[in-house]
Amino acid sequence: MTSIPIGLWPHFQEYDPEGLDLERDADLIIQRTLEYGTWEEIRWLAATYGRERIREFVRRHGERLLSPPTFTYWRKLLGLRRWRRSPFAAEARQLWPF
């Protein structure tokens, strides 16, 4: 499959899902799929990018681009003990009610 699954399209409202490039837009696609994807879509993501590419995304961008619960879930599931801390993490946590 060369494009994102149709089930993910509603999560790319501001983009043309058919126009997304799997390589160029990898971080965006990984972020939206980890945040909103079903298990089937997560399996597609893993098959498309591989575990290491997804781990690298969560390590480098997860704290900033994923919601706190989603970041914590994927960080633990992927076994990440170190990640790039966001300079705005403390302020962002204040915005989330949990």
N, C-alpha and C. Protein backbone atom coordinates (compact mmCIF):
# COMPACT_ATOMS: atom_id res chain seq x y z
N MET A 1 0.85 -1.18 0.00
CA MET A 1 0.00 0.00 0.00
C MET A 1 0.89 1.24 0.00
N THR A 2 0.59 2.18 -0.84
CA THR A 2 1.46 3.35 -0.98
C THR A 2 0.88 4.61 -0.35
N SER A 3 -0.29 4.53 0.22
CA SER A 3 -0.86 5.69 0.88
C SER A 3 -1.40 5.27 2.25
N ILE A 4 -1.78 6.27 3.02
CA ILE A 4 -2.26 5.96 4.36
C ILE A 4 -3.64 5.29 4.29
N PRO A 5 -3.95 4.46 5.27
CA PRO A 5 -5.27 3.79 5.27
C PRO A 5 -6.41 4.80 5.31
N ILE A 6 -7.47 4.47 4.63
CA ILE A 6 -8.63 5.38 4.54
C ILE A 6 -9.20 5.69 5.92
N GLY A 7 -9.10 4.76 6.86
CA GLY A 7 -9.61 5.01 8.21
C GLY A 7 -8.90 6.15 8.93
N LEU A 8 -7.68 6.47 8.49
CA LEU A 8 -6.94 7.58 9.11
C LEU A 8 -7.25 8.93 8.48
N TRP A 9 -7.88 8.93 7.33
CA TRP A 9 -8.11 10.19 6.62
C TRP A 9 -8.78 11.27 7.46
N PRO A 10 -9.78 10.96 8.30
CA PRO A 10 -10.40 12.03 9.10
C PRO A 10 -9.41 12.75 10.03
N HIS A 11 -8.28 12.14 10.32
CA HIS A 11 -7.30 12.75 11.21
C HIS A 11 -6.29 13.61 10.47
N PHE A 12 -6.51 13.77 9.18
CA PHE A 12 -5.67 14.64 8.34
C PHE A 12 -6.55 15.66 7.63
N GLN A 13 -7.47 16.26 8.38
CA GLN A 13 -8.45 17.16 7.79
C GLN A 13 -7.82 18.33 7.05
N GLU A 14 -6.70 18.83 7.55
CA GLU A 14 -6.09 20.00 6.96
C GLU A 14 -5.16 19.66 5.79
N TYR A 15 -5.09 18.38 5.43
CA TYR A 15 -4.24 17.91 4.35
C TYR A 15 -5.07 17.13 3.34
N ASP A 16 -4.51 16.95 2.16
CA ASP A 16 -5.09 16.04 1.19
C ASP A 16 -4.45 14.68 1.46
N PRO A 17 -5.17 13.75 2.07
CA PRO A 17 -4.56 12.46 2.44
C PRO A 17 -3.93 11.73 1.26
N GLU A 18 -4.50 11.86 0.08
CA GLU A 18 -3.94 11.21 -1.09
C GLU A 18 -2.62 11.86 -1.52
N GLY A 19 -2.41 13.11 -1.10
CA GLY A 19 -1.20 13.83 -1.47
C GLY A 19 -0.06 13.68 -0.48
N LEU A 20 -0.30 13.00 0.63
CA LEU A 20 0.77 12.82 1.61
C LEU A 20 1.81 11.84 1.08
N ASP A 21 3.05 12.18 1.28
CA ASP A 21 4.15 11.32 0.85
C ASP A 21 4.65 10.55 2.08
N LEU A 22 4.73 9.23 1.96
CA LEU A 22 5.10 8.40 3.10
C LEU A 22 6.48 8.74 3.66
N GLU A 23 7.39 9.18 2.83
CA GLU A 23 8.73 9.52 3.31
C GLU A 23 8.79 10.97 3.79
N ARG A 24 8.36 11.89 2.96
CA ARG A 24 8.42 13.31 3.30
C ARG A 24 7.58 13.65 4.53
N ASP A 25 6.42 13.05 4.64
CA ASP A 25 5.48 13.37 5.72
C ASP A 25 5.47 12.30 6.81
N ALA A 26 6.57 11.57 6.94
CA ALA A 26 6.64 10.44 7.87
C ALA A 26 6.31 10.85 9.31
N ASP A 27 6.90 11.93 9.81
CA ASP A 27 6.64 12.33 11.20
C ASP A 27 5.17 12.65 11.43
N LEU A 28 4.55 13.35 10.50
CA LEU A 28 3.13 13.67 10.62
C LEU A 28 2.29 12.40 10.62
N ILE A 29 2.58 11.49 9.72
CA ILE A 29 1.82 10.25 9.62
C ILE A 29 2.01 9.39 10.87
N ILE A 30 3.23 9.30 11.35
CA ILE A 30 3.49 8.52 12.57
C ILE A 30 2.76 9.14 13.75
N GLN A 31 2.86 10.45 13.88
CA GLN A 31 2.22 11.14 15.01
C GLN A 31 0.71 10.91 15.02
N ARG A 32 0.05 11.14 13.90
CA ARG A 32 -1.41 10.99 13.85
C ARG A 32 -1.84 9.54 14.04
N THR A 33 -1.06 8.60 13.52
CA THR A 33 -1.43 7.20 13.66
C THR A 33 -1.25 6.72 15.09
N LEU A 34 -0.15 7.12 15.75
CA LEU A 34 0.04 6.74 17.15
C LEU A 34 -1.04 7.36 18.03
N GLU A 35 -1.44 8.56 17.71
CA GLU A 35 -2.43 9.27 18.52
C GLU A 35 -3.85 8.74 18.30
N TYR A 36 -4.22 8.44 17.07
CA TYR A 36 -5.62 8.15 16.75
C TYR A 36 -5.87 6.80 16.08
N GLY A 37 -4.83 6.08 15.70
CA GLY A 37 -5.00 4.86 14.92
C GLY A 37 -5.58 3.69 15.68
N THR A 38 -6.25 2.82 14.94
CA THR A 38 -6.73 1.55 15.47
C THR A 38 -5.55 0.57 15.47
N TRP A 39 -5.74 -0.60 16.06
CA TRP A 39 -4.65 -1.58 16.06
C TRP A 39 -4.30 -2.01 14.64
N GLU A 40 -5.27 -2.10 13.78
CA GLU A 40 -4.99 -2.44 12.38
C GLU A 40 -4.12 -1.36 11.73
N GLU A 41 -4.43 -0.11 12.01
CA GLU A 41 -3.64 1.00 11.45
C GLU A 41 -2.25 1.06 12.08
N ILE A 42 -2.14 0.68 13.35
CA ILE A 42 -0.83 0.61 14.01
C ILE A 42 0.01 -0.48 13.35
N ARG A 43 -0.61 -1.61 13.03
CA ARG A 43 0.12 -2.68 12.32
C ARG A 43 0.60 -2.19 10.95
N TRP A 44 -0.24 -1.44 10.25
CA TRP A 44 0.16 -0.86 8.97
C TRP A 44 1.36 0.07 9.18
N LEU A 45 1.29 0.89 10.23
CA LEU A 45 2.38 1.82 10.53
C LEU A 45 3.68 1.07 10.77
N ALA A 46 3.63 0.01 11.56
CA ALA A 46 4.82 -0.79 11.86
C ALA A 46 5.37 -1.45 10.60
N ALA A 47 4.49 -1.94 9.74
CA ALA A 47 4.94 -2.57 8.50
C ALA A 47 5.55 -1.54 7.55
N THR A 48 5.03 -0.31 7.59
CA THR A 48 5.50 0.74 6.69
C THR A 48 6.81 1.34 7.15
N TYR A 49 6.93 1.64 8.44
CA TYR A 49 8.10 2.36 8.95
C TYR A 49 9.06 1.52 9.78
N GLY A 50 8.59 0.44 10.33
CA GLY A 50 9.43 -0.39 11.18
C GLY A 50 9.49 0.14 12.60
N ARG A 51 9.76 -0.78 13.51
CA ARG A 51 9.78 -0.46 14.94
C ARG A 51 10.83 0.62 15.27
N GLU A 52 12.02 0.52 14.69
CA GLU A 52 13.08 1.48 15.04
C GLU A 52 12.73 2.90 14.61
N ARG A 53 12.12 3.06 13.44
CA ARG A 53 11.73 4.41 12.98
C ARG A 53 10.66 5.00 13.89
N ILE A 54 9.73 4.17 14.32
CA ILE A 54 8.68 4.64 15.23
C ILE A 54 9.28 4.97 16.59
N ARG A 55 10.18 4.13 17.08
CA ARG A 55 10.86 4.41 18.36
C ARG A 55 11.62 5.73 18.28
N GLU A 56 12.30 5.95 17.17
CA GLU A 56 13.06 7.19 17.00
C GLU A 56 12.14 8.41 17.01
N PHE A 57 10.97 8.29 16.37
CA PHE A 57 10.01 9.39 16.41
C PHE A 57 9.58 9.67 17.84
N VAL A 58 9.18 8.63 18.58
CA VAL A 58 8.72 8.83 19.96
C VAL A 58 9.85 9.40 20.80
N ARG A 59 11.07 8.91 20.61
CA ARG A 59 12.22 9.40 21.38
C ARG A 59 12.50 10.88 21.09
N ARG A 60 12.46 11.27 19.83
CA ARG A 60 12.84 12.63 19.46
C ARG A 60 11.70 13.64 19.54
N HIS A 61 10.48 13.22 19.21
CA HIS A 61 9.37 14.17 19.08
C HIS A 61 8.15 13.86 19.95
N GLY A 62 8.13 12.69 20.57
CA GLY A 62 6.93 12.24 21.26
C GLY A 62 6.42 13.15 22.35
N GLU A 63 7.32 13.63 23.20
CA GLU A 63 6.87 14.45 24.32
C GLU A 63 6.23 15.75 23.84
N ARG A 64 6.69 16.24 22.69
CA ARG A 64 6.18 17.50 22.17
C ARG A 64 4.97 17.32 21.27
N LEU A 65 4.93 16.23 20.48
CA LEU A 65 3.89 16.10 19.46
C LEU A 65 2.75 15.15 19.82
N LEU A 66 2.92 14.37 20.86
CA LEU A 66 1.84 13.47 21.30
C LEU A 66 1.24 13.99 22.59
N SER A 67 -0.01 13.65 22.83
CA SER A 67 -0.63 14.03 24.10
C SER A 67 0.12 13.29 25.22
N PRO A 68 0.13 13.82 26.43
CA PRO A 68 0.85 13.16 27.52
C PRO A 68 0.45 11.69 27.73
N PRO A 69 -0.84 11.34 27.74
CA PRO A 69 -1.16 9.92 27.93
C PRO A 69 -0.66 9.04 26.77
N THR A 70 -0.77 9.55 25.55
CA THR A 70 -0.31 8.79 24.39
C THR A 70 1.20 8.63 24.41
N PHE A 71 1.91 9.70 24.74
CA PHE A 71 3.37 9.63 24.82
C PHE A 71 3.80 8.60 25.87
N THR A 72 3.20 8.64 27.04
CA THR A 72 3.55 7.71 28.10
C THR A 72 3.25 6.27 27.67
N TYR A 73 2.12 6.05 27.05
CA TYR A 73 1.75 4.71 26.60
C TYR A 73 2.79 4.16 25.62
N TRP A 74 3.10 4.92 24.57
CA TRP A 74 4.03 4.44 23.55
C TRP A 74 5.46 4.36 24.09
N ARG A 75 5.82 5.26 24.95
CA ARG A 75 7.16 5.22 25.54
C ARG A 75 7.34 3.92 26.33
N LYS A 76 6.33 3.56 27.10
CA LYS A 76 6.41 2.32 27.90
C LYS A 76 6.31 1.09 27.00
N LEU A 77 5.41 1.11 26.04
CA LEU A 77 5.24 -0.04 25.16
C LEU A 77 6.50 -0.30 24.32
N LEU A 78 7.18 0.77 23.92
CA LEU A 78 8.39 0.63 23.10
C LEU A 78 9.65 0.50 23.94
N GLY A 79 9.51 0.57 25.26
CA GLY A 79 10.65 0.38 26.15
C GLY A 79 11.66 1.52 26.12
N LEU A 80 11.19 2.74 25.94
CA LEU A 80 12.09 3.90 25.90
C LEU A 80 12.33 4.43 27.30
N ARG A 81 13.58 4.51 27.67
CA ARG A 81 13.94 5.07 28.97
C ARG A 81 14.51 6.47 28.84
N ARG A 82 14.99 6.81 27.67
CA ARG A 82 15.53 8.16 27.42
C ARG A 82 14.84 8.76 26.21
N TRP A 83 14.57 10.04 26.29
CA TRP A 83 13.95 10.75 25.18
C TRP A 83 14.34 12.20 25.26
N ARG A 84 14.13 12.89 24.15
CA ARG A 84 14.44 14.31 24.10
C ARG A 84 13.35 15.06 24.84
N ARG A 85 13.75 15.73 25.88
CA ARG A 85 12.78 16.50 26.68
C ARG A 85 12.39 17.78 25.94
N SER A 86 11.13 18.06 25.96
CA SER A 86 10.62 19.28 25.36
C SER A 86 10.89 20.45 26.29
N PRO A 87 11.37 21.57 25.75
CA PRO A 87 11.58 22.73 26.62
C PRO A 87 10.26 23.30 27.15
N PHE A 88 9.16 22.89 26.55
CA PHE A 88 7.85 23.41 26.94
C PHE A 88 7.01 22.36 27.65
N ALA A 89 7.60 21.27 28.07
CA ALA A 89 6.85 20.16 28.65
C ALA A 89 6.08 20.57 29.90
N ALA A 90 6.70 21.32 30.78
CA ALA A 90 6.02 21.71 32.02
C ALA A 90 4.79 22.56 31.71
N GLU A 91 4.93 23.49 30.77
CA GLU A 91 3.79 24.33 30.40
C GLU A 91 2.70 23.51 29.74
N ALA A 92 3.08 22.56 28.89
CA ALA A 92 2.10 21.73 28.19
C ALA A 92 1.33 20.86 29.18
N ARG A 93 2.02 20.33 30.19
CA ARG A 93 1.33 19.48 31.17
C ARG A 93 0.27 20.25 31.93
N GLN A 94 0.45 21.54 32.09
CA GLN A 94 -0.55 22.33 32.79
C GLN A 94 -1.85 22.45 31.98
N LEU A 95 -1.77 22.28 30.67
CA LEU A 95 -2.94 22.40 29.83
C LEU A 95 -3.81 21.15 29.86
N TRP A 96 -3.23 20.01 30.23
CA TRP A 96 -3.97 18.75 30.26
C TRP A 96 -4.57 18.55 31.64
N PRO A 97 -5.84 18.20 31.71
CA PRO A 97 -6.51 18.06 33.01
C PRO A 97 -6.15 16.80 33.78
N PHE A 98 -5.32 15.90 33.23
CA PHE A 98 -4.97 14.68 33.96
C PHE A 98 -3.50 14.51 34.04
